[in-house]
Protein backbone atom coordinates (compact mmCIF):
# COMPACT_ATOMS: atom_id res chain seq x y z
CA MET A 1 34.59 6.33 -18.72
CA LYS A 2 32.00 7.36 -21.29
CA ARG A 3 28.73 6.24 -19.66
CA LEU A 4 27.66 5.33 -16.14
CA ILE A 5 24.60 3.22 -15.36
CA VAL A 6 23.73 3.30 -11.65
CA THR A 7 21.53 0.35 -10.69
CA SER A 8 19.63 -0.15 -7.46
CA ASP A 9 19.68 -3.89 -6.77
CA ASP A 10 17.36 -6.17 -4.79
CA CYS A 11 14.25 -4.04 -5.33
CA GLY A 12 11.16 -5.98 -4.34
CA LEU A 13 12.99 -7.62 -1.44
CA SER A 14 11.45 -5.09 0.96
CA ARG A 15 9.43 -1.89 0.89
CA GLY A 16 12.35 -0.03 2.44
CA ILE A 17 14.57 -0.93 -0.52
CA ASN A 18 11.89 0.24 -2.95
CA LEU A 19 11.46 3.56 -1.13
CA ALA A 20 15.22 4.10 -0.91
CA THR A 21 15.49 3.47 -4.66
CA VAL A 22 12.91 6.14 -5.42
CA GLU A 23 14.63 8.55 -3.04
CA LEU A 24 17.92 8.08 -4.86
CA TYR A 25 16.26 8.31 -8.28
CA GLU A 26 14.51 11.57 -7.39
CA LYS A 27 17.89 12.97 -6.34
CA GLY A 28 19.33 11.94 -9.71
CA LEU A 29 21.68 9.38 -8.14
CA VAL A 30 20.41 6.14 -9.75
CA THR A 31 19.24 5.46 -13.28
CA ALA A 32 17.99 1.87 -13.07
CA ALA A 33 16.15 -0.46 -10.69
CA SER A 34 16.54 -4.24 -10.75
CA VAL A 35 13.55 -6.03 -9.23
CA MET A 36 13.48 -9.42 -7.48
CA THR A 37 10.04 -10.71 -8.36
CA ASN A 38 9.61 -13.59 -5.89
CA PHE A 39 9.21 -11.54 -2.69
CA PRO A 40 6.11 -9.92 -1.11
CA ALA A 41 7.31 -6.35 -1.80
CA THR A 42 7.48 -6.96 -5.57
CA GLN A 43 4.09 -5.46 -6.37
CA HIS A 44 4.90 -2.45 -4.20
CA ALA A 45 8.07 -1.95 -6.25
CA LEU A 46 6.35 -2.26 -9.61
CA ASP A 47 3.49 0.06 -8.61
CA LEU A 48 5.98 2.60 -7.28
CA PHE A 49 8.37 2.47 -10.23
CA SER A 50 5.59 2.70 -12.80
CA ARG A 51 5.18 6.35 -11.74
CA TYR A 52 8.67 7.10 -13.06
CA PRO A 53 8.73 6.38 -16.81
CA THR A 54 12.42 7.33 -17.18
CA LEU A 55 13.56 4.95 -14.43
CA GLU A 56 15.03 1.94 -16.23
CA VAL A 57 13.34 -1.11 -14.67
CA GLY A 58 14.77 -4.60 -15.08
CA VAL A 59 14.69 -8.00 -13.40
CA HIS A 60 17.09 -9.17 -10.70
CA LEU A 61 16.86 -12.90 -11.37
CA ASN A 62 17.06 -15.04 -8.25
CA LEU A 63 17.58 -18.78 -7.72
CA THR A 64 18.88 -18.82 -4.13
CA ASP A 65 16.67 -16.70 -1.82
CA GLY A 66 13.06 -17.21 -0.86
CA PHE A 67 10.66 -19.44 -2.79
CA PRO A 68 10.28 -20.12 -6.52
CA LEU A 69 7.33 -18.77 -8.47
CA THR A 70 6.96 -22.02 -10.41
CA GLN A 71 5.49 -25.18 -8.97
CA VAL A 72 8.74 -27.06 -8.39
CA ARG A 73 8.44 -30.09 -6.16
CA ALA A 74 10.26 -30.13 -2.83
CA ALA A 75 13.83 -31.47 -2.90
CA SER A 76 14.31 -30.78 -6.58
CA SER A 77 17.54 -29.58 -8.19
CA LEU A 78 16.39 -26.01 -7.44
CA THR A 79 14.69 -26.44 -4.07
CA ARG A 80 15.14 -28.17 -0.74
CA ALA A 81 12.52 -29.42 1.72
CA GLY A 82 9.90 -26.75 2.32
CA ARG A 83 10.24 -25.55 -1.31
CA ARG A 84 12.83 -22.91 -0.45
CA PHE A 85 15.59 -22.39 -2.98
CA ARG A 86 18.78 -24.33 -2.39
CA SER A 87 22.00 -22.65 -1.22
CA PRO A 88 24.30 -20.73 -3.60
CA LEU A 89 26.82 -23.58 -3.41
CA ALA A 90 24.17 -26.12 -4.43
CA LEU A 91 23.08 -23.88 -7.30
CA PHE A 92 26.58 -23.61 -8.72
CA VAL A 93 27.21 -27.35 -8.32
CA ASN A 94 23.98 -28.17 -10.15
CA ALA A 95 24.80 -25.59 -12.82
CA LEU A 96 28.22 -27.16 -13.29
CA VAL A 97 26.64 -30.55 -13.97
CA ALA A 98 23.67 -28.88 -15.72
CA ARG A 99 21.42 -31.87 -16.19
CA PRO A 100 18.47 -31.39 -18.59
CA SER A 101 16.00 -31.38 -15.69
CA PHE A 102 17.95 -28.62 -13.94
CA ARG A 103 18.17 -26.50 -17.08
CA GLU A 104 14.44 -26.92 -17.67
CA GLN A 105 13.50 -26.01 -14.08
CA ALA A 106 15.85 -23.01 -14.05
CA GLY A 107 14.59 -21.79 -17.42
CA ASN A 108 10.95 -22.08 -16.35
CA GLU A 109 11.60 -20.23 -13.10
CA LEU A 110 13.56 -17.41 -14.71
CA THR A 111 10.86 -17.03 -17.35
CA ALA A 112 8.21 -16.75 -14.63
CA GLN A 113 10.23 -14.08 -12.81
CA ILE A 114 10.57 -11.97 -15.97
CA ASN A 115 6.87 -12.40 -16.75
CA VAL A 116 5.94 -10.72 -13.46
CA VAL A 117 7.33 -7.43 -14.77
CA PHE A 118 5.61 -7.86 -18.14
CA GLN A 119 2.28 -8.56 -16.48
CA ALA A 120 2.65 -5.29 -14.57
CA GLY A 121 2.74 -3.49 -17.92
CA LEU A 122 6.47 -2.76 -17.87
CA GLN A 123 9.09 -3.69 -20.47
CA PRO A 124 12.20 -5.02 -18.67
CA GLN A 125 15.22 -3.08 -19.84
CA HIS A 126 17.90 -5.29 -18.31
CA LEU A 127 18.59 -8.61 -16.57
CA THR A 128 20.88 -9.02 -13.57
CA THR A 129 21.43 -12.05 -11.36
CA HIS A 130 21.43 -12.45 -7.59
CA ILE A 131 24.88 -13.60 -6.38
CA HIS A 132 26.01 -13.16 -9.97
CA PHE A 133 25.00 -16.70 -10.92
CA HIS A 134 25.34 -16.03 -14.66
CA LEU A 135 29.03 -16.68 -14.11
CA SER A 136 27.87 -20.22 -14.84
CA PRO A 137 27.98 -20.90 -18.61
CA ALA A 138 24.86 -23.09 -18.44
CA LEU A 139 22.79 -20.44 -16.65
CA ARG A 140 24.25 -17.62 -18.72
CA LYS A 141 23.10 -19.34 -21.90
CA ILE A 142 19.55 -19.45 -20.54
CA ILE A 143 19.65 -15.79 -19.54
CA PHE A 144 20.84 -14.52 -22.91
CA ARG A 145 18.21 -16.63 -24.64
CA LEU A 146 15.55 -15.08 -22.40
CA ALA A 147 16.98 -11.59 -22.96
CA GLU A 148 16.50 -12.01 -26.70
CA ARG A 149 13.05 -13.53 -26.28
CA PHE A 150 11.81 -10.67 -24.07
CA HIS A 151 13.60 -7.91 -26.02
CA VAL A 152 15.79 -6.92 -23.08
CA SER A 153 18.40 -4.28 -23.92
CA TRP A 154 21.32 -5.39 -21.74
CA VAL A 155 22.60 -7.95 -19.27
CA ARG A 156 25.01 -7.28 -16.41
CA PRO A 157 28.70 -8.07 -17.12
CA TYR A 158 29.70 -11.54 -16.04
CA ARG A 159 33.44 -11.83 -16.73
CA LEU A 160 35.94 -11.56 -13.86
CA SER A 161 37.97 -9.23 -16.07
CA ALA A 162 35.05 -6.76 -15.98
CA ALA A 163 34.66 -6.69 -12.17
CA VAL A 164 35.76 -3.37 -10.68
CA VAL A 165 36.74 -4.28 -7.12
CA PRO A 166 39.54 -2.75 -5.03
CA PHE A 167 42.06 -5.48 -5.90
CA ASN A 168 41.34 -7.43 -9.05
CA PRO A 169 44.50 -8.61 -10.83
CA PHE A 170 42.32 -9.85 -13.69
CA LEU A 171 40.72 -6.47 -14.45
CA ARG A 172 41.35 -5.69 -18.09
CA LYS A 173 41.04 -2.38 -19.86
CA GLN A 174 38.63 -3.09 -22.69
CA SER A 175 37.84 -1.14 -25.79
CA ALA A 176 34.55 0.73 -25.64
CA SER A 177 33.09 -1.62 -28.25
CA ASN A 178 34.12 -4.85 -26.52
CA THR A 179 30.65 -5.98 -25.41
CA SER A 180 30.40 -9.48 -26.87
CA THR A 181 27.29 -11.24 -25.59
CA GLY A 182 26.51 -14.30 -27.65
CA ALA A 183 23.17 -12.63 -28.44
CA GLU A 184 23.06 -10.15 -31.30
CA SER A 185 20.36 -7.86 -29.88
CA VAL A 186 21.64 -7.80 -26.28
CA SER A 187 24.50 -5.65 -25.03
CA VAL A 188 26.68 -5.96 -21.94
CA PRO A 189 28.32 -2.97 -20.22
CA ASN A 190 32.12 -3.06 -20.26
CA TYR A 191 32.43 -3.11 -16.47
CA VAL A 192 30.46 -3.60 -13.27
CA ALA A 193 31.36 -2.11 -9.87
CA ALA A 194 29.40 -3.00 -6.70
CA LEU A 195 29.58 -0.34 -4.00
CA LYS A 196 29.48 -2.92 -1.19
CA PHE A 197 33.07 -3.86 -2.00
CA TRP A 198 34.23 -0.22 -1.82
CA MET A 199 32.78 0.74 1.54
CA SER A 200 36.20 0.57 3.25
CA TYR A 201 37.68 2.99 0.72
CA SER A 202 37.00 6.64 0.03
CA PRO A 203 34.60 7.63 -2.74
CA ASP A 204 37.51 9.58 -4.22
CA ARG A 205 39.41 6.36 -4.84
CA LEU A 206 36.44 4.67 -6.52
CA LEU A 207 35.83 7.70 -8.72
CA ALA A 208 39.50 7.80 -9.73
CA VAL A 209 39.35 4.16 -10.82
CA LEU A 210 36.10 4.59 -12.76
CA LYS A 211 37.48 7.58 -14.63
CA THR A 212 40.24 5.40 -16.11
CA LEU A 213 37.79 2.92 -17.65
CA PRO A 214 36.58 3.20 -21.25
CA GLY A 215 33.09 2.36 -22.42
CA THR A 216 30.10 1.76 -20.16
CA VAL A 217 30.30 1.03 -16.42
CA GLU A 218 27.43 -0.28 -14.31
CA LEU A 219 27.67 0.93 -10.71
CA VAL A 220 25.55 -1.21 -8.36
CA VAL A 221 24.09 -0.02 -5.07
CA HIS A 222 22.03 -2.00 -2.54
CA PRO A 223 20.06 0.75 -0.75
CA CYS A 224 17.53 0.65 2.07
CA ILE A 225 15.86 3.21 4.32
CA ALA A 226 16.75 3.26 8.01
CA GLY A 227 14.51 1.13 10.21
CA ASP A 228 12.89 -0.95 7.48
CA GLU A 229 10.40 -3.17 9.31
CA THR A 230 9.59 -5.14 6.16
CA PHE A 231 13.17 -6.34 5.59
CA PRO A 232 13.36 -10.20 5.56
CA GLN A 233 15.21 -11.54 8.58
CA THR A 234 16.61 -14.44 6.52
CA VAL A 235 18.69 -12.10 4.33
CA HIS A 236 22.27 -11.77 5.59
CA TYR A 237 23.18 -8.37 4.11
CA SER A 238 21.22 -6.24 6.59
CA SER A 239 19.08 -3.16 6.14
CA ARG A 240 21.56 -1.19 8.27
CA GLU A 241 24.45 -2.14 5.96
CA ARG A 242 22.34 -1.21 2.96
CA PHE A 243 21.51 2.17 4.49
CA GLN A 244 25.24 2.82 4.88
CA GLU A 245 25.80 1.84 1.26
CA MET A 246 23.12 4.30 0.20
CA ARG A 247 24.90 7.09 2.07
CA TYR A 248 28.19 6.08 0.45
CA LEU A 249 26.61 6.58 -2.98
CA GLU A 250 25.51 10.06 -1.96
CA ARG A 251 29.08 10.91 -0.89
CA PHE A 252 30.38 9.49 -4.17
CA TRP A 253 28.17 11.87 -6.16
CA GLN A 254 29.17 14.79 -3.93
CA VAL A 255 32.83 14.09 -4.74
CA ALA A 256 32.05 13.80 -8.46
CA ALA A 257 30.12 17.08 -8.42
CA HIS A 258 32.94 18.83 -6.56
CA ILE A 259 35.51 17.68 -9.11
CA ARG A 260 33.29 18.81 -11.99
CA SER A 261 32.89 22.26 -10.43
CA GLU A 262 36.66 22.60 -9.92
CA THR A 263 37.43 21.65 -13.52
CA GLY A 264 34.74 23.88 -14.93
């Protein structure tokens, strides 16, 4: 492993997530923050992160939770009655068919979400997707086009062969330069590892796996402070679970520091 990006996901979802992200950044445990821009805590996140010029801020694009920023009519290909986004299953089904109206609505919404960060005076450094929806070729094409348009440096890995989970028979050891994107100016890390899938395993095991990987690895954490009263009740992955994930990241770095001290 030559480079590790540590990204705090779902920023903007709640104030507790934003505060936890800053806590981890100040401890030197995260390097990037990916902001969901269609939730009430978005402005809090952007105001907070703007105080840290070396924190790499990007956009956590979202087409399944909360409400769209664009004026999409109810019961569209993106939204159900009440203008809430449709379910993840509905999103992937519509992306599979990928009618022109769906591609247009998705492109407009994703553009609006990125523009929120620009309007706050920040240059987005990366794009990530909620529930990893850029697995879909149709949506991935839109995202890379937007990454080029907005001069974004990198996009989260999307291939199954790049997913570092405890048991992935498709994981493939790539060369450090194997970051094909379909967009000349946009890079993709070689691997992505989400801590939520490693919570049942020791940090030692995760570190041992990461050390065998060449190139760049993005390590994703979903943090939150304890007792976050602003956390949306409609979100299934709870603030308590996120707090535990945050503590797991701290233990991971303690193990890494201990190994470094032993090896000199």
